[in-house]
N, C-alpha and C. Protein backbone atom coordinates (compact mmCIF):
# COMPACT_ATOMS: atom_id res chain seq x y z
N MET A 1 20.68 -11.53 30.59
CA MET A 1 19.61 -10.65 30.98
C MET A 1 19.68 -10.27 32.46
N THR A 2 20.66 -10.74 33.16
CA THR A 2 20.73 -10.45 34.59
C THR A 2 21.41 -9.13 34.88
N LEU A 3 22.08 -8.53 33.92
CA LEU A 3 22.79 -7.28 34.17
C LEU A 3 21.88 -6.06 34.08
N TYR A 4 20.76 -6.18 33.42
CA TYR A 4 19.86 -5.04 33.24
C TYR A 4 18.44 -5.49 33.53
N ASN A 5 17.74 -4.72 34.33
CA ASN A 5 16.36 -5.01 34.67
C ASN A 5 15.52 -3.80 34.27
N PRO A 6 14.63 -3.94 33.27
CA PRO A 6 13.84 -2.79 32.82
C PRO A 6 12.88 -2.31 33.89
N GLY A 7 12.43 -1.06 33.73
CA GLY A 7 11.51 -0.47 34.68
C GLY A 7 10.10 -1.02 34.54
N THR A 8 9.14 -0.32 35.13
CA THR A 8 7.76 -0.81 35.13
C THR A 8 7.04 -0.54 33.82
N GLN A 9 7.54 0.37 33.00
CA GLN A 9 6.93 0.69 31.71
C GLN A 9 7.76 0.07 30.59
N VAL A 10 7.19 -0.91 29.88
CA VAL A 10 7.90 -1.53 28.76
C VAL A 10 7.04 -1.42 27.50
N THR A 11 7.68 -1.53 26.35
CA THR A 11 6.97 -1.42 25.09
C THR A 11 7.52 -2.44 24.09
N ILE A 12 6.66 -2.92 23.21
CA ILE A 12 7.08 -3.79 22.11
C ILE A 12 6.92 -2.98 20.83
N ASP A 13 7.99 -2.91 20.07
CA ASP A 13 7.95 -2.12 18.83
C ASP A 13 8.97 -2.69 17.86
N GLU A 14 8.94 -2.19 16.65
CA GLU A 14 9.95 -2.55 15.66
C GLU A 14 10.57 -1.27 15.14
N GLU A 15 11.82 -1.37 14.72
CA GLU A 15 12.50 -0.22 14.15
C GLU A 15 13.32 -0.68 12.95
N LEU A 16 13.61 0.26 12.10
CA LEU A 16 14.45 -0.01 10.95
C LEU A 16 15.79 0.68 11.19
N VAL A 17 16.83 -0.11 11.39
CA VAL A 17 18.16 0.44 11.62
C VAL A 17 18.75 0.77 10.25
N PRO A 18 19.01 2.07 9.98
CA PRO A 18 19.48 2.46 8.64
C PRO A 18 20.80 1.77 8.27
N PHE A 19 20.84 1.23 7.06
CA PHE A 19 22.03 0.54 6.58
C PHE A 19 21.97 0.52 5.06
N LYS A 20 23.02 1.02 4.40
CA LYS A 20 23.04 1.08 2.94
C LYS A 20 23.95 0.03 2.32
N GLY A 21 24.74 -0.67 3.11
CA GLY A 21 25.69 -1.65 2.58
C GLY A 21 25.00 -2.91 2.07
N ARG A 22 25.81 -3.91 1.77
CA ARG A 22 25.28 -5.18 1.30
C ARG A 22 25.04 -6.10 2.49
N CYS A 23 23.86 -6.66 2.52
CA CYS A 23 23.49 -7.55 3.61
C CYS A 23 22.26 -8.34 3.16
N PRO A 24 22.23 -9.65 3.38
CA PRO A 24 21.08 -10.43 2.91
C PRO A 24 19.78 -10.14 3.65
N ILE A 25 19.84 -9.53 4.82
CA ILE A 25 18.61 -9.25 5.56
C ILE A 25 18.20 -7.79 5.48
N LYS A 26 18.84 -7.03 4.60
CA LYS A 26 18.48 -5.62 4.42
C LYS A 26 17.11 -5.53 3.76
N GLN A 27 16.31 -4.56 4.18
CA GLN A 27 14.98 -4.37 3.64
C GLN A 27 14.83 -2.95 3.10
N TYR A 28 13.87 -2.80 2.21
CA TYR A 28 13.50 -1.49 1.67
C TYR A 28 12.05 -1.25 2.03
N ILE A 29 11.79 -0.15 2.73
CA ILE A 29 10.42 0.22 3.09
C ILE A 29 10.11 1.53 2.40
N LYS A 30 9.24 1.46 1.42
CA LYS A 30 8.96 2.59 0.53
C LYS A 30 8.28 3.74 1.27
N LEU A 31 7.46 3.45 2.27
CA LEU A 31 6.65 4.48 2.91
C LEU A 31 7.38 5.27 3.99
N LYS A 32 8.64 4.99 4.26
CA LYS A 32 9.39 5.76 5.25
C LYS A 32 9.57 7.18 4.74
N LEU A 33 9.47 8.15 5.64
CA LEU A 33 9.58 9.55 5.24
C LEU A 33 11.01 9.97 4.96
N ALA A 34 11.93 9.57 5.81
CA ALA A 34 13.33 9.95 5.62
C ALA A 34 13.97 9.05 4.56
N PRO A 35 14.57 9.63 3.51
CA PRO A 35 15.12 8.79 2.44
C PRO A 35 16.25 7.88 2.91
N LEU A 36 17.05 8.31 3.87
CA LEU A 36 18.15 7.47 4.34
C LEU A 36 17.66 6.30 5.17
N ALA A 37 16.48 6.42 5.75
CA ALA A 37 15.96 5.37 6.61
C ALA A 37 15.10 4.37 5.86
N ARG A 38 15.07 4.44 4.55
CA ARG A 38 14.25 3.50 3.78
C ARG A 38 14.92 2.14 3.63
N TYR A 39 16.23 2.12 3.70
CA TYR A 39 16.98 0.87 3.62
C TYR A 39 17.54 0.55 5.00
N GLY A 40 17.45 -0.69 5.41
CA GLY A 40 18.02 -1.04 6.69
C GLY A 40 17.63 -2.43 7.14
N MET A 41 17.94 -2.71 8.40
CA MET A 41 17.62 -4.00 9.01
C MET A 41 16.52 -3.80 10.03
N LYS A 42 15.52 -4.65 9.97
CA LYS A 42 14.37 -4.54 10.86
C LYS A 42 14.68 -5.26 12.18
N VAL A 43 14.47 -4.55 13.28
CA VAL A 43 14.69 -5.11 14.61
C VAL A 43 13.41 -4.95 15.40
N ARG A 44 12.93 -6.05 15.96
CA ARG A 44 11.77 -6.02 16.85
C ARG A 44 12.30 -6.17 18.26
N ALA A 45 11.77 -5.36 19.19
CA ALA A 45 12.36 -5.37 20.52
C ALA A 45 11.34 -5.08 21.60
N LEU A 46 11.60 -5.63 22.75
CA LEU A 46 10.94 -5.24 23.99
C LEU A 46 11.90 -4.25 24.63
N ALA A 47 11.42 -3.07 24.92
CA ALA A 47 12.31 -2.03 25.41
C ALA A 47 11.72 -1.35 26.63
N ASP A 48 12.59 -0.87 27.48
CA ASP A 48 12.18 -0.02 28.58
C ASP A 48 11.70 1.29 27.97
N ALA A 49 10.61 1.83 28.46
CA ALA A 49 10.05 3.04 27.88
C ALA A 49 10.96 4.25 28.06
N GLN A 50 11.88 4.21 29.01
CA GLN A 50 12.74 5.35 29.29
C GLN A 50 14.16 5.20 28.75
N SER A 51 14.63 3.96 28.55
CA SER A 51 16.05 3.86 28.23
C SER A 51 16.37 2.81 27.17
N TYR A 52 16.69 1.60 27.54
CA TYR A 52 17.34 0.64 26.65
C TYR A 52 16.41 -0.43 26.12
N GLN A 53 16.83 -1.05 25.02
CA GLN A 53 16.16 -2.24 24.53
C GLN A 53 16.53 -3.39 25.46
N TYR A 54 15.57 -4.26 25.69
CA TYR A 54 15.80 -5.36 26.62
C TYR A 54 16.03 -6.68 25.90
N ASN A 55 15.25 -6.94 24.89
CA ASN A 55 15.27 -8.27 24.28
C ASN A 55 15.10 -8.14 22.76
N PRO A 56 16.09 -7.57 22.04
CA PRO A 56 15.90 -7.34 20.60
C PRO A 56 16.02 -8.62 19.77
N GLN A 57 15.28 -8.65 18.67
CA GLN A 57 15.36 -9.74 17.70
C GLN A 57 15.50 -9.13 16.31
N VAL A 58 16.52 -9.52 15.59
CA VAL A 58 16.70 -9.05 14.22
C VAL A 58 15.83 -9.91 13.32
N TYR A 59 15.06 -9.25 12.45
CA TYR A 59 14.19 -9.96 11.52
C TYR A 59 15.04 -10.51 10.39
N CYS A 60 15.08 -11.82 10.25
CA CYS A 60 15.80 -12.48 9.16
C CYS A 60 14.78 -13.02 8.18
N ARG A 61 15.00 -12.74 6.93
CA ARG A 61 14.07 -13.24 5.91
C ARG A 61 14.13 -14.76 5.85
N LYS A 62 13.08 -15.33 5.26
CA LYS A 62 13.10 -16.78 5.09
C LYS A 62 14.10 -17.14 4.00
N THR A 63 14.67 -18.29 4.15
CA THR A 63 15.65 -18.73 3.17
C THR A 63 14.93 -19.23 1.93
N PRO A 64 15.51 -19.07 0.75
CA PRO A 64 14.85 -19.54 -0.47
C PRO A 64 14.59 -21.05 -0.41
N GLY A 65 13.40 -21.43 -0.81
CA GLY A 65 13.04 -22.84 -0.82
C GLY A 65 12.43 -23.34 0.48
N SER A 66 12.45 -22.53 1.54
CA SER A 66 11.86 -22.98 2.80
C SER A 66 10.38 -22.63 2.83
N LYS A 67 9.65 -23.31 3.70
CA LYS A 67 8.23 -23.04 3.84
C LYS A 67 8.02 -21.73 4.57
N PRO A 68 6.96 -20.98 4.24
CA PRO A 68 6.68 -19.75 4.97
C PRO A 68 6.33 -20.06 6.42
N GLU A 69 6.80 -19.20 7.31
CA GLU A 69 6.55 -19.40 8.74
C GLU A 69 5.13 -18.96 9.07
N THR A 70 4.40 -19.80 9.76
CA THR A 70 3.05 -19.44 10.20
C THR A 70 3.13 -19.03 11.66
N GLY A 71 2.34 -18.05 12.03
CA GLY A 71 2.32 -17.60 13.42
C GLY A 71 3.57 -16.83 13.82
N ARG A 72 4.16 -16.10 12.88
CA ARG A 72 5.40 -15.38 13.17
C ARG A 72 5.20 -14.32 14.24
N ASP A 73 4.10 -13.55 14.15
CA ASP A 73 3.84 -12.52 15.15
C ASP A 73 3.70 -13.13 16.54
N HIS A 74 3.02 -14.25 16.60
CA HIS A 74 2.83 -14.92 17.89
C HIS A 74 4.18 -15.37 18.46
N ARG A 75 5.03 -15.94 17.63
CA ARG A 75 6.33 -16.41 18.09
C ARG A 75 7.20 -15.24 18.56
N VAL A 76 7.19 -14.15 17.80
CA VAL A 76 8.00 -12.99 18.16
C VAL A 76 7.56 -12.41 19.49
N VAL A 77 6.26 -12.22 19.67
CA VAL A 77 5.77 -11.66 20.93
C VAL A 77 6.06 -12.59 22.10
N CYS A 78 5.87 -13.88 21.90
CA CYS A 78 6.17 -14.84 22.98
C CYS A 78 7.64 -14.77 23.36
N ASP A 79 8.52 -14.70 22.37
CA ASP A 79 9.95 -14.62 22.66
C ASP A 79 10.33 -13.33 23.37
N LEU A 80 9.70 -12.22 22.97
CA LEU A 80 10.04 -10.93 23.57
C LEU A 80 9.51 -10.80 24.99
N VAL A 81 8.32 -11.32 25.23
CA VAL A 81 7.64 -11.12 26.52
C VAL A 81 8.08 -12.14 27.58
N GLU A 82 8.55 -13.28 27.15
CA GLU A 82 8.83 -14.38 28.08
C GLU A 82 9.71 -14.01 29.28
N PRO A 83 10.79 -13.24 29.13
CA PRO A 83 11.61 -12.94 30.31
C PRO A 83 10.89 -12.10 31.37
N LEU A 84 9.81 -11.42 30.99
CA LEU A 84 9.14 -10.53 31.94
C LEU A 84 7.79 -11.04 32.41
N LEU A 85 7.47 -12.29 32.14
CA LEU A 85 6.18 -12.82 32.60
C LEU A 85 6.12 -12.81 34.12
N TYR A 86 4.94 -12.56 34.65
CA TYR A 86 4.65 -12.56 36.09
C TYR A 86 5.45 -11.50 36.84
N THR A 87 5.71 -10.36 36.20
CA THR A 87 6.44 -9.29 36.87
C THR A 87 5.59 -8.04 37.07
N LYS A 88 4.33 -8.06 36.64
CA LYS A 88 3.38 -6.95 36.85
C LYS A 88 3.92 -5.63 36.32
N ARG A 89 4.29 -5.60 35.06
CA ARG A 89 4.72 -4.37 34.42
C ARG A 89 3.61 -3.83 33.53
N ASN A 90 3.68 -2.56 33.18
CA ASN A 90 2.77 -1.95 32.22
C ASN A 90 3.40 -2.08 30.84
N MET A 91 2.63 -2.59 29.88
CA MET A 91 3.18 -2.84 28.55
C MET A 91 2.40 -2.06 27.50
N THR A 92 3.12 -1.34 26.64
CA THR A 92 2.54 -0.65 25.50
C THR A 92 2.97 -1.39 24.25
N VAL A 93 2.02 -1.68 23.38
CA VAL A 93 2.33 -2.42 22.16
C VAL A 93 2.08 -1.50 20.97
N ILE A 94 3.14 -1.11 20.30
CA ILE A 94 3.02 -0.39 19.04
C ILE A 94 3.23 -1.47 18.00
N PHE A 95 2.15 -2.07 17.59
CA PHE A 95 2.23 -3.38 16.96
C PHE A 95 2.59 -3.31 15.50
N PHE A 96 3.28 -4.34 15.04
CA PHE A 96 3.74 -4.43 13.67
C PHE A 96 2.74 -5.13 12.79
N SER A 97 1.55 -5.44 13.29
CA SER A 97 0.50 -6.04 12.48
C SER A 97 -0.75 -5.21 12.66
N PRO A 98 -1.38 -4.74 11.59
CA PRO A 98 -2.49 -3.81 11.73
C PRO A 98 -3.78 -4.43 12.22
N GLY A 99 -3.92 -5.73 12.22
CA GLY A 99 -5.20 -6.34 12.54
C GLY A 99 -5.43 -6.53 14.03
N ASN A 100 -6.69 -6.37 14.44
CA ASN A 100 -7.05 -6.63 15.82
C ASN A 100 -6.97 -8.11 16.14
N VAL A 101 -7.13 -8.96 15.13
CA VAL A 101 -7.10 -10.40 15.38
C VAL A 101 -5.75 -10.80 15.95
N THR A 102 -4.68 -10.26 15.39
CA THR A 102 -3.35 -10.58 15.90
C THR A 102 -3.20 -10.08 17.32
N PHE A 103 -3.70 -8.89 17.59
CA PHE A 103 -3.61 -8.35 18.94
C PHE A 103 -4.36 -9.22 19.93
N MET A 104 -5.56 -9.64 19.55
CA MET A 104 -6.38 -10.44 20.47
C MET A 104 -5.76 -11.81 20.71
N THR A 105 -5.21 -12.43 19.69
CA THR A 105 -4.71 -13.79 19.86
C THR A 105 -3.29 -13.85 20.42
N VAL A 106 -2.53 -12.78 20.27
CA VAL A 106 -1.14 -12.82 20.69
C VAL A 106 -0.93 -12.15 22.04
N ILE A 107 -1.44 -10.95 22.22
CA ILE A 107 -1.16 -10.19 23.43
C ILE A 107 -2.08 -10.54 24.59
N LEU A 108 -3.36 -10.67 24.32
CA LEU A 108 -4.30 -10.84 25.43
C LEU A 108 -4.09 -12.09 26.27
N PRO A 109 -3.58 -13.22 25.75
CA PRO A 109 -3.30 -14.32 26.66
C PRO A 109 -2.28 -13.97 27.74
N TYR A 110 -1.45 -12.96 27.49
CA TYR A 110 -0.47 -12.54 28.48
C TYR A 110 -1.02 -11.45 29.40
N TYR A 111 -2.28 -11.09 29.25
CA TYR A 111 -2.81 -9.94 29.96
C TYR A 111 -2.68 -10.06 31.47
N TYR A 112 -3.01 -11.20 32.01
CA TYR A 112 -3.01 -11.31 33.47
C TYR A 112 -1.61 -11.42 34.05
N GLU A 113 -0.60 -11.53 33.21
CA GLU A 113 0.77 -11.49 33.71
C GLU A 113 1.29 -10.05 33.78
N PHE A 114 0.57 -9.11 33.16
CA PHE A 114 0.96 -7.70 33.18
C PHE A 114 -0.16 -6.91 33.84
N SER A 115 0.17 -5.76 34.42
CA SER A 115 -0.86 -4.99 35.10
C SER A 115 -1.73 -4.22 34.12
N HIS A 116 -1.18 -3.67 33.06
CA HIS A 116 -1.95 -2.97 32.03
C HIS A 116 -1.31 -3.21 30.68
N ILE A 117 -2.14 -3.30 29.65
CA ILE A 117 -1.65 -3.40 28.28
C ILE A 117 -2.35 -2.32 27.47
N LEU A 118 -1.57 -1.52 26.78
CA LEU A 118 -2.11 -0.47 25.93
C LEU A 118 -1.66 -0.75 24.51
N ARG A 119 -2.59 -0.76 23.57
CA ARG A 119 -2.25 -1.02 22.17
C ARG A 119 -2.42 0.26 21.37
N ILE A 120 -1.40 0.60 20.63
CA ILE A 120 -1.47 1.72 19.70
C ILE A 120 -1.31 1.12 18.32
N GLY A 121 -2.38 1.15 17.53
CA GLY A 121 -2.37 0.46 16.25
C GLY A 121 -1.97 1.35 15.11
N MET A 122 -2.11 0.80 13.91
CA MET A 122 -1.74 1.51 12.70
C MET A 122 -2.65 2.72 12.46
N SER A 123 -3.88 2.66 12.95
CA SER A 123 -4.81 3.76 12.72
C SER A 123 -4.83 4.74 13.89
N SER A 124 -3.86 4.67 14.77
CA SER A 124 -3.72 5.55 15.93
C SER A 124 -4.88 5.45 16.90
N LEU A 125 -5.57 4.33 16.88
CA LEU A 125 -6.62 4.10 17.87
C LEU A 125 -6.02 3.39 19.06
N CYS A 126 -6.47 3.77 20.24
CA CYS A 126 -5.94 3.14 21.45
C CYS A 126 -7.00 2.22 22.04
N TYR A 127 -6.58 1.05 22.37
CA TYR A 127 -7.46 0.10 23.04
C TYR A 127 -6.89 -0.15 24.42
N ARG A 128 -7.66 0.16 25.43
CA ARG A 128 -7.19 0.01 26.79
C ARG A 128 -7.79 -1.26 27.37
N CYS A 129 -6.96 -2.15 27.80
CA CYS A 129 -7.42 -3.40 28.39
C CYS A 129 -7.36 -3.26 29.90
N THR A 130 -8.46 -3.46 30.55
CA THR A 130 -8.50 -3.39 32.00
C THR A 130 -9.08 -4.68 32.53
N PRO A 131 -8.82 -5.02 33.79
CA PRO A 131 -9.38 -6.24 34.35
C PRO A 131 -10.91 -6.20 34.32
N MET A 132 -11.52 -7.36 34.24
CA MET A 132 -12.98 -7.43 34.21
C MET A 132 -13.54 -6.81 35.49
N GLY A 133 -14.47 -5.91 35.31
CA GLY A 133 -15.07 -5.24 36.46
C GLY A 133 -14.27 -4.04 36.93
N GLY A 134 -13.10 -3.79 36.34
CA GLY A 134 -12.28 -2.65 36.75
C GLY A 134 -12.44 -1.49 35.80
N VAL A 135 -11.80 -0.39 36.13
CA VAL A 135 -11.86 0.80 35.29
C VAL A 135 -10.50 1.05 34.69
């Protein structure tokens, strides 16, 4: 991570990398608009808003017979955000979980390590978090 330093605007998002071949972590998302992009590998990443991904994680399914992972969203966000803690960047979260509960429990503990956090949810509502007493 020392060769690239992202700018002041970073975002957390997930994408589906189109892939039609055989792969155990390939997923099918029925609601995708483009037919070719319905099959692929899911990648969650912290990315610079202007250029490159900084800290991507490929989503691997659970292995058969293993226990379901609890707190997956929390673990993913912690792993993605950790290299940039205490750097005063602006973070936009286009979150992969529709509930506000996940947003409140996962992102807000990191609030004071970032200067601003903007959440864009599944319903296209924006929640702006500002310091207490600030605008």
